[in-house]
Structure formats: C-alpha cells, structure tokens
Amino acid sequence: MLRIEGAAVPKIVVSLLLALVAFTAPRASGQDAPTGIPITIENNRFVPSEVKVQAGKPFVLVVTNKDAKSEEFESKELRIEKVIPAGKTASIRVRALKPGTYPFFGEFNSKTAQGRIVAE
C-alpha cells in the first residue's frame, strides 16, 4: 500500500492511474496528423475530380455524399472500397503514396463518378 496524504492507496490503483495518464497524454512523436482532404459526391460526380497530395505522407479523404442515394468510393490501385450513404460523410485513411496517379470511381455510377489522386 502507498500512502497519499495519509490515505492508503492500493498499488494497482496507482498503476491504473499512471497508465491512464500515459495513454491520454498528447504524443510527441514528431509527426503531424494526416491531412484531411474534402471530396463531395454530388449529381453522381466527385468534386473535385482530381486531388493532389504530397507523396510519402498519409492523408485522410473526407467524403461527403450530397446525393439522394448511396455511392461507393472505390480504388483498385489503393485497395479501397467504402460505401458512403446518402447525406452522410465518411473518412477514409490512405497510406503514404509513391509519386504517381491513382484513379478512383463510384461503383454505383462508374460512368460519371470518376476521379484521381495525384501524389507529387
């Protein structure tokens, strides 16, 4: 038992409190949080249809579906498939990319919902 201001405190309680502080404290890893990039689905199209990102850095696509029906954000090259329900927003984490162009499309409206990510 430890004594804090005269009260006996079991070691397990102290250990749990220290663990809680360690896990909730801000991390000083030297890395910035991934950049959020907004994309809108409207009239069965992605806006903007081209997104430029910095090669070698992960990012998050924040996709908002303004259409009345669901759409699936899909990229075979990035191995991403994510259904975005009508009127909802979803965040899609994307790993750091090598320089290049990575196409994506809407599975449910593939003729009109097309775009690409350009990593530079």
Protein backbone atom coordinates (compact mmCIF):
# COMPACT_ATOMS: atom_id res chain seq x y z
CA MET A 1 0.00 0.00 0.00
CA LEU A 2 1.08 3.54 -0.75
CA ARG A 3 0.04 6.47 1.34
CA ILE A 4 -1.13 9.66 -0.36
CA GLU A 5 -1.90 12.47 2.11
CA GLY A 6 -2.46 9.92 4.85
CA ALA A 7 -4.80 7.66 2.86
CA ALA A 8 -3.80 4.12 1.92
CA VAL A 9 -3.97 3.57 -1.85
CA PRO A 10 -3.52 0.10 -3.36
CA LYS A 11 -0.61 -0.15 -5.82
CA ILE A 12 -2.97 -1.37 -8.56
CA VAL A 13 -4.97 1.87 -8.36
CA VAL A 14 -1.79 3.93 -8.68
CA SER A 15 -0.65 1.79 -11.63
CA LEU A 16 -4.00 2.22 -13.39
CA LEU A 17 -3.95 5.98 -12.88
CA LEU A 18 -0.42 6.23 -14.27
CA ALA A 19 -1.41 4.11 -17.29
CA LEU A 20 -4.45 6.32 -17.90
CA VAL A 21 -2.30 9.46 -17.85
CA ALA A 22 0.24 7.86 -20.20
CA PHE A 23 -2.38 6.85 -22.77
CA THR A 24 -4.34 10.11 -22.74
CA ALA A 25 -1.39 12.50 -22.78
CA PRO A 26 -0.57 14.15 -26.12
CA ARG A 27 2.05 12.26 -28.04
CA ALA A 28 5.26 14.00 -29.06
CA SER A 29 6.06 11.70 -31.97
CA GLY A 30 7.26 14.46 -34.27
CA GLN A 31 4.67 13.51 -36.88
CA ASP A 32 1.75 15.71 -37.83
CA ALA A 33 -1.76 14.32 -38.00
CA PRO A 34 -2.71 13.21 -41.53
CA THR A 35 -4.13 15.98 -43.70
CA GLY A 36 -7.91 15.87 -44.28
CA ILE A 37 -8.92 16.36 -47.91
CA PRO A 38 -12.61 17.08 -48.60
CA ILE A 39 -14.36 15.44 -51.55
CA THR A 40 -18.07 15.78 -52.31
CA ILE A 41 -20.32 13.41 -54.21
CA GLU A 42 -22.94 15.50 -55.97
CA ASN A 43 -25.00 14.73 -59.08
CA ASN A 44 -23.23 11.36 -59.31
CA ARG A 45 -19.80 13.03 -59.62
CA PHE A 46 -16.81 13.58 -57.37
CA VAL A 47 -15.92 17.21 -56.70
CA PRO A 48 -13.07 17.88 -57.10
CA SER A 49 -12.34 15.09 -59.54
CA GLU A 50 -8.59 15.49 -59.05
CA VAL A 51 -6.88 15.66 -55.69
CA LYS A 52 -3.18 16.45 -55.31
CA VAL A 53 -1.33 15.09 -52.28
CA GLN A 54 2.25 15.06 -51.10
CA ALA A 55 3.95 11.76 -51.91
CA GLY A 56 5.26 9.90 -48.90
CA LYS A 57 2.71 11.30 -46.42
CA PRO A 58 -0.51 9.60 -45.32
CA PHE A 59 -3.76 11.54 -45.61
CA VAL A 60 -7.49 11.24 -44.97
CA LEU A 61 -10.17 11.66 -47.62
CA VAL A 62 -13.29 13.20 -46.06
CA VAL A 63 -16.04 12.18 -48.47
CA THR A 64 -19.49 13.78 -48.20
CA ASN A 65 -22.34 12.31 -50.22
CA LYS A 66 -24.87 15.03 -51.08
CA ASP A 67 -26.82 12.75 -53.42
CA ALA A 68 -30.11 11.03 -52.54
CA LYS A 69 -28.59 7.55 -52.99
CA SER A 70 -25.56 5.78 -51.58
CA GLU A 71 -22.32 5.70 -53.53
CA GLU A 72 -19.27 3.50 -53.14
CA PHE A 73 -15.85 5.15 -53.24
CA GLU A 74 -13.57 2.59 -54.86
CA SER A 75 -9.95 2.47 -55.98
CA LYS A 76 -8.48 -0.81 -57.11
CA GLU A 77 -4.93 0.63 -57.05
CA LEU A 78 -5.34 1.79 -53.44
CA ARG A 79 -7.37 -1.28 -52.41
CA ILE A 80 -10.15 0.90 -51.01
CA GLU A 81 -13.90 0.25 -51.09
CA LYS A 82 -16.16 2.35 -48.89
CA VAL A 83 -19.91 2.86 -49.21
CA ILE A 84 -20.96 6.42 -48.37
CA PRO A 85 -24.68 6.53 -47.50
CA ALA A 86 -26.83 9.36 -48.88
CA GLY A 87 -26.43 12.55 -46.85
CA LYS A 88 -23.51 11.17 -44.83
CA THR A 89 -19.77 11.83 -44.54
CA ALA A 90 -17.06 9.21 -44.17
CA SER A 91 -13.34 9.46 -43.51
CA ILE A 92 -11.04 7.21 -45.50
CA ARG A 93 -7.44 6.88 -44.30
CA VAL A 94 -4.94 6.50 -47.13
CA ARG A 95 -1.39 5.29 -46.62
CA ALA A 96 1.60 7.29 -47.82
CA LEU A 97 1.74 7.00 -51.62
CA LYS A 98 4.63 6.83 -54.02
CA PRO A 99 4.63 9.54 -56.72
CA GLY A 100 2.03 8.72 -59.35
CA THR A 101 -1.63 8.83 -60.31
CA TYR A 102 -4.24 6.70 -58.55
CA PRO A 103 -7.72 6.57 -60.13
CA PHE A 104 -10.91 6.17 -58.09
CA PHE A 105 -14.56 5.85 -59.08
CA GLY A 106 -18.08 5.48 -57.75
CA GLU A 107 -19.06 1.85 -58.04
CA PHE A 108 -22.76 2.68 -58.43
CA ASN A 109 -22.25 5.44 -61.06
CA SER A 110 -18.95 4.45 -62.65
CA LYS A 111 -19.60 6.33 -65.91
CA THR A 112 -19.87 9.73 -64.23
CA ALA A 113 -18.33 9.38 -60.75
CA GLN A 114 -14.63 9.28 -61.59
CA GLY A 115 -11.56 10.95 -60.22
CA ARG A 116 -7.90 10.56 -59.44
CA ILE A 117 -5.38 11.23 -56.73
CA VAL A 118 -2.06 12.64 -57.89
CA ALA A 119 0.82 12.11 -55.48
CA GLU A 120 3.70 14.53 -56.15
